Amino acid sequence: MIKILAACGAGINSSHQIKTAIEEEMKKRGYDVKVDAVVVKDINKDMMDQYDIFTPISKTKFSFDINIPLIEAGPILYRIPSMADPVFDELESVIKDLKK
């Protein structure tokens, strides 16, 4: 199982929409993923180290280095295939590279 961390400013709406969209799309593509949705301000290095991929709504600066693949997932929220599909394709590519 691939563990993905989704994050937005409030951890209430956008990150949960991203979570649902990623889980549904990756399941359709044949991947076993689990996405957790959190508030950006609650992320620390120990939390980040428990995940395989980080999918924030937009670029975020932290006081520590991110050592897992980061894929900006904001375009998923538009629900327009021409915007969301490249994000899903990048996710799939990263998942394949993880070889889990």
N, C-alpha and C. Protein backbone atom coordinates (compact mmCIF):
# COMPACT_ATOMS: atom_id res chain seq x y z
N MET A 1 0.83 -1.18 0.00
CA MET A 1 0.00 0.00 0.00
C MET A 1 0.88 1.25 0.00
N ILE A 2 0.50 2.19 -0.83
CA ILE A 2 1.19 3.47 -0.92
C ILE A 2 0.48 4.46 0.01
N LYS A 3 1.25 5.10 0.87
CA LYS A 3 0.68 6.08 1.81
C LYS A 3 0.94 7.49 1.29
N ILE A 4 -0.13 8.26 1.13
CA ILE A 4 -0.05 9.61 0.58
C ILE A 4 -0.58 10.59 1.60
N LEU A 5 0.11 11.71 1.74
CA LEU A 5 -0.31 12.78 2.64
C LEU A 5 -0.81 13.95 1.81
N ALA A 6 -2.09 14.29 2.00
CA ALA A 6 -2.69 15.45 1.33
C ALA A 6 -2.82 16.57 2.35
N ALA A 7 -2.58 17.80 1.93
CA ALA A 7 -2.64 18.90 2.89
C ALA A 7 -3.16 20.17 2.26
N CYS A 8 -3.88 20.92 3.08
CA CYS A 8 -4.35 22.26 2.68
C CYS A 8 -4.30 23.16 3.91
N GLY A 9 -4.69 24.40 3.74
CA GLY A 9 -4.60 25.38 4.81
C GLY A 9 -5.44 25.07 6.03
N ALA A 10 -6.63 24.54 5.82
CA ALA A 10 -7.53 24.27 6.95
C ALA A 10 -7.68 22.79 7.24
N GLY A 11 -7.35 21.93 6.29
CA GLY A 11 -7.47 20.49 6.48
C GLY A 11 -8.91 20.01 6.53
N ILE A 12 -9.81 20.84 6.03
CA ILE A 12 -11.23 20.51 6.13
C ILE A 12 -11.83 20.15 4.78
N ASN A 13 -11.67 20.99 3.80
CA ASN A 13 -12.37 20.80 2.54
C ASN A 13 -11.46 20.34 1.41
N SER A 14 -10.54 21.18 1.02
CA SER A 14 -9.71 20.89 -0.16
C SER A 14 -8.91 19.61 -0.02
N SER A 15 -8.26 19.42 1.11
CA SER A 15 -7.45 18.22 1.27
C SER A 15 -8.31 16.96 1.25
N HIS A 16 -9.53 17.06 1.75
CA HIS A 16 -10.42 15.89 1.71
C HIS A 16 -10.92 15.62 0.30
N GLN A 17 -11.14 16.67 -0.49
CA GLN A 17 -11.51 16.48 -1.89
C GLN A 17 -10.35 15.83 -2.66
N ILE A 18 -9.14 16.29 -2.37
CA ILE A 18 -7.96 15.71 -3.01
C ILE A 18 -7.81 14.25 -2.60
N LYS A 19 -7.99 13.97 -1.32
CA LYS A 19 -7.91 12.60 -0.79
C LYS A 19 -8.86 11.68 -1.54
N THR A 20 -10.12 12.07 -1.62
CA THR A 20 -11.15 11.25 -2.27
C THR A 20 -10.82 11.05 -3.74
N ALA A 21 -10.46 12.12 -4.42
CA ALA A 21 -10.17 12.03 -5.86
C ALA A 21 -8.98 11.11 -6.13
N ILE A 22 -7.91 11.24 -5.33
CA ILE A 22 -6.73 10.40 -5.54
C ILE A 22 -7.06 8.93 -5.27
N GLU A 23 -7.75 8.67 -4.16
CA GLU A 23 -8.08 7.28 -3.84
C GLU A 23 -8.95 6.66 -4.92
N GLU A 24 -9.94 7.39 -5.42
CA GLU A 24 -10.82 6.85 -6.46
C GLU A 24 -10.07 6.63 -7.77
N GLU A 25 -9.29 7.61 -8.19
CA GLU A 25 -8.59 7.50 -9.48
C GLU A 25 -7.51 6.43 -9.45
N MET A 26 -6.75 6.38 -8.37
CA MET A 26 -5.68 5.38 -8.30
C MET A 26 -6.26 3.97 -8.19
N LYS A 27 -7.41 3.82 -7.55
CA LYS A 27 -8.08 2.52 -7.49
C LYS A 27 -8.48 2.09 -8.91
N LYS A 28 -9.02 3.04 -9.69
CA LYS A 28 -9.39 2.73 -11.08
C LYS A 28 -8.17 2.28 -11.88
N ARG A 29 -7.02 2.83 -11.55
CA ARG A 29 -5.78 2.51 -12.27
C ARG A 29 -5.09 1.27 -11.70
N GLY A 30 -5.69 0.69 -10.66
CA GLY A 30 -5.17 -0.56 -10.13
C GLY A 30 -4.17 -0.44 -8.99
N TYR A 31 -4.13 0.69 -8.31
CA TYR A 31 -3.17 0.89 -7.23
C TYR A 31 -3.87 0.93 -5.88
N ASP A 32 -3.18 0.38 -4.90
CA ASP A 32 -3.67 0.36 -3.52
C ASP A 32 -3.04 1.55 -2.79
N VAL A 33 -3.82 2.61 -2.61
CA VAL A 33 -3.31 3.80 -1.93
C VAL A 33 -4.22 4.15 -0.75
N LYS A 34 -3.61 4.78 0.24
CA LYS A 34 -4.35 5.34 1.36
C LYS A 34 -3.89 6.77 1.49
N VAL A 35 -4.84 7.70 1.49
CA VAL A 35 -4.52 9.11 1.58
C VAL A 35 -5.06 9.66 2.90
N ASP A 36 -4.22 10.38 3.62
CA ASP A 36 -4.62 11.07 4.83
C ASP A 36 -4.64 12.57 4.53
N ALA A 37 -5.68 13.25 5.01
CA ALA A 37 -5.83 14.70 4.80
C ALA A 37 -5.54 15.43 6.11
N VAL A 38 -4.66 16.42 6.03
CA VAL A 38 -4.26 17.16 7.23
C VAL A 38 -4.14 18.65 6.95
N VAL A 39 -3.98 19.40 8.03
CA VAL A 39 -3.72 20.83 7.97
C VAL A 39 -2.21 21.02 7.78
N VAL A 40 -1.82 21.87 6.87
CA VAL A 40 -0.40 22.10 6.59
C VAL A 40 0.37 22.44 7.86
N LYS A 41 -0.17 23.29 8.69
CA LYS A 41 0.56 23.74 9.88
C LYS A 41 0.84 22.62 10.88
N ASP A 42 0.12 21.51 10.77
CA ASP A 42 0.32 20.39 11.69
C ASP A 42 1.39 19.40 11.23
N ILE A 43 1.92 19.61 10.03
CA ILE A 43 2.91 18.67 9.49
C ILE A 43 4.28 18.94 10.10
N ASN A 44 4.91 17.87 10.54
CA ASN A 44 6.29 17.95 11.01
C ASN A 44 7.10 16.85 10.32
N LYS A 45 8.39 16.84 10.55
CA LYS A 45 9.25 15.88 9.85
C LYS A 45 8.87 14.44 10.20
N ASP A 46 8.59 14.17 11.47
CA ASP A 46 8.23 12.81 11.86
C ASP A 46 6.97 12.34 11.13
N MET A 47 6.00 13.22 11.00
CA MET A 47 4.77 12.86 10.27
C MET A 47 5.09 12.60 8.80
N MET A 48 5.82 13.51 8.19
CA MET A 48 6.14 13.40 6.77
C MET A 48 6.89 12.10 6.47
N ASP A 49 7.76 11.69 7.37
CA ASP A 49 8.56 10.49 7.15
C ASP A 49 7.74 9.20 7.14
N GLN A 50 6.48 9.27 7.51
CA GLN A 50 5.62 8.09 7.53
C GLN A 50 4.89 7.87 6.20
N TYR A 51 5.11 8.76 5.23
CA TYR A 51 4.40 8.70 3.95
C TYR A 51 5.34 8.49 2.79
N ASP A 52 4.75 8.02 1.68
CA ASP A 52 5.52 7.77 0.46
C ASP A 52 5.47 8.95 -0.51
N ILE A 53 4.37 9.72 -0.47
CA ILE A 53 4.15 10.83 -1.40
C ILE A 53 3.44 11.95 -0.64
N PHE A 54 3.81 13.19 -0.95
CA PHE A 54 3.16 14.37 -0.35
C PHE A 54 2.42 15.12 -1.45
N THR A 55 1.12 15.36 -1.25
CA THR A 55 0.30 16.05 -2.26
C THR A 55 -0.39 17.28 -1.64
N PRO A 56 0.35 18.37 -1.48
CA PRO A 56 -0.28 19.58 -0.95
C PRO A 56 -1.10 20.27 -2.03
N ILE A 57 -1.99 21.15 -1.61
CA ILE A 57 -2.80 21.90 -2.56
C ILE A 57 -1.91 22.85 -3.38
N SER A 58 -0.82 23.33 -2.76
CA SER A 58 0.13 24.21 -3.44
C SER A 58 1.49 24.09 -2.75
N LYS A 59 2.51 24.71 -3.33
CA LYS A 59 3.85 24.63 -2.74
C LYS A 59 3.82 25.22 -1.34
N THR A 60 4.51 24.53 -0.46
CA THR A 60 4.55 24.94 0.94
C THR A 60 5.98 24.85 1.42
N LYS A 61 6.40 25.84 2.21
CA LYS A 61 7.75 25.82 2.77
C LYS A 61 7.68 25.29 4.19
N PHE A 62 8.62 24.41 4.49
CA PHE A 62 8.73 23.85 5.83
C PHE A 62 10.12 24.15 6.39
N SER A 63 10.28 23.97 7.67
CA SER A 63 11.58 24.19 8.31
C SER A 63 12.48 22.96 8.19
N PHE A 64 12.02 21.95 7.44
CA PHE A 64 12.78 20.72 7.24
C PHE A 64 12.70 20.34 5.77
N ASP A 65 13.61 19.49 5.35
CA ASP A 65 13.61 19.02 3.96
C ASP A 65 12.55 17.94 3.78
N ILE A 66 11.91 17.96 2.64
CA ILE A 66 10.94 16.93 2.28
C ILE A 66 11.68 15.88 1.48
N ASN A 67 11.72 14.67 2.01
CA ASN A 67 12.51 13.61 1.39
C ASN A 67 11.67 12.58 0.64
N ILE A 68 10.43 12.94 0.34
CA ILE A 68 9.55 12.07 -0.44
C ILE A 68 9.07 12.87 -1.65
N PRO A 69 8.59 12.20 -2.68
CA PRO A 69 8.09 12.93 -3.84
C PRO A 69 6.95 13.88 -3.46
N LEU A 70 7.01 15.09 -4.00
CA LEU A 70 5.98 16.10 -3.78
C LEU A 70 5.28 16.38 -5.10
N ILE A 71 3.96 16.26 -5.08
CA ILE A 71 3.16 16.52 -6.28
C ILE A 71 2.07 17.51 -5.91
N GLU A 72 2.12 18.71 -6.49
CA GLU A 72 1.08 19.69 -6.22
C GLU A 72 -0.25 19.18 -6.77
N ALA A 73 -1.25 19.08 -5.88
CA ALA A 73 -2.52 18.47 -6.25
C ALA A 73 -3.66 19.46 -6.42
N GLY A 74 -3.39 20.74 -6.31
CA GLY A 74 -4.44 21.75 -6.45
C GLY A 74 -5.29 21.62 -7.70
N PRO A 75 -4.71 21.32 -8.87
CA PRO A 75 -5.52 21.22 -10.08
C PRO A 75 -6.61 20.14 -10.03
N ILE A 76 -6.47 19.17 -9.14
CA ILE A 76 -7.50 18.14 -8.99
C ILE A 76 -8.83 18.78 -8.59
N LEU A 77 -8.77 19.86 -7.83
CA LEU A 77 -9.98 20.48 -7.29
C LEU A 77 -10.89 21.05 -8.37
N TYR A 78 -10.33 21.36 -9.53
CA TYR A 78 -11.15 21.92 -10.61
C TYR A 78 -12.04 20.87 -11.26
N ARG A 79 -11.71 19.60 -11.07
CA ARG A 79 -12.48 18.48 -11.65
C ARG A 79 -12.59 18.59 -13.17
N ILE A 80 -11.61 19.22 -13.77
CA ILE A 80 -11.54 19.32 -15.22
C ILE A 80 -10.45 18.35 -15.66
N PRO A 81 -10.80 17.33 -16.44
CA PRO A 81 -9.82 16.31 -16.81
C PRO A 81 -8.51 16.86 -17.36
N SER A 82 -8.57 17.90 -18.17
CA SER A 82 -7.33 18.42 -18.75
C SER A 82 -6.40 19.01 -17.69
N MET A 83 -6.94 19.35 -16.54
CA MET A 83 -6.11 19.88 -15.45
C MET A 83 -5.76 18.78 -14.45
N ALA A 84 -6.72 17.91 -14.14
CA ALA A 84 -6.51 16.88 -13.12
C ALA A 84 -5.70 15.69 -13.64
N ASP A 85 -5.93 15.30 -14.88
CA ASP A 85 -5.26 14.11 -15.41
C ASP A 85 -3.73 14.17 -15.35
N PRO A 86 -3.11 15.33 -15.64
CA PRO A 86 -1.65 15.37 -15.51
C PRO A 86 -1.17 15.10 -14.08
N VAL A 87 -1.95 15.53 -13.09
CA VAL A 87 -1.59 15.27 -11.70
C VAL A 87 -1.70 13.77 -11.41
N PHE A 88 -2.80 13.16 -11.86
CA PHE A 88 -2.98 11.72 -11.67
C PHE A 88 -1.90 10.93 -12.41
N ASP A 89 -1.54 11.38 -13.61
CA ASP A 89 -0.49 10.71 -14.37
C ASP A 89 0.86 10.79 -13.65
N GLU A 90 1.15 11.96 -13.08
CA GLU A 90 2.41 12.13 -12.34
C GLU A 90 2.40 11.24 -11.10
N LEU A 91 1.26 11.18 -10.41
CA LEU A 91 1.13 10.30 -9.25
C LEU A 91 1.40 8.85 -9.64
N GLU A 92 0.78 8.43 -10.73
CA GLU A 92 0.96 7.05 -11.19
C GLU A 92 2.43 6.77 -11.51
N SER A 93 3.09 7.71 -12.13
CA SER A 93 4.50 7.55 -12.47
C SER A 93 5.34 7.40 -11.20
N VAL A 94 5.07 8.23 -10.21
CA VAL A 94 5.81 8.16 -8.95
C VAL A 94 5.53 6.84 -8.25
N ILE A 95 4.27 6.41 -8.25
CA ILE A 95 3.90 5.14 -7.62
C ILE A 95 4.67 3.99 -8.29
N LYS A 96 4.74 4.01 -9.61
CA LYS A 96 5.48 2.95 -10.32
C LYS A 96 6.95 2.97 -9.91
N ASP A 97 7.52 4.16 -9.77
CA ASP A 97 8.93 4.28 -9.39
C ASP A 97 9.19 3.79 -7.96
N LEU A 98 8.18 3.87 -7.10
CA LEU A 98 8.35 3.42 -5.71
C LEU A 98 8.47 1.91 -5.62
N LYS A 99 7.89 1.20 -6.59
CA LYS A 99 7.96 -0.26 -6.67
C LYS A 99 7.52 -0.92 -5.37
N LYS A 100 6.38 -0.51 -4.87
CA LYS A 100 5.83 -1.12 -3.64
C LYS A 100 4.70 -2.07 -3.99
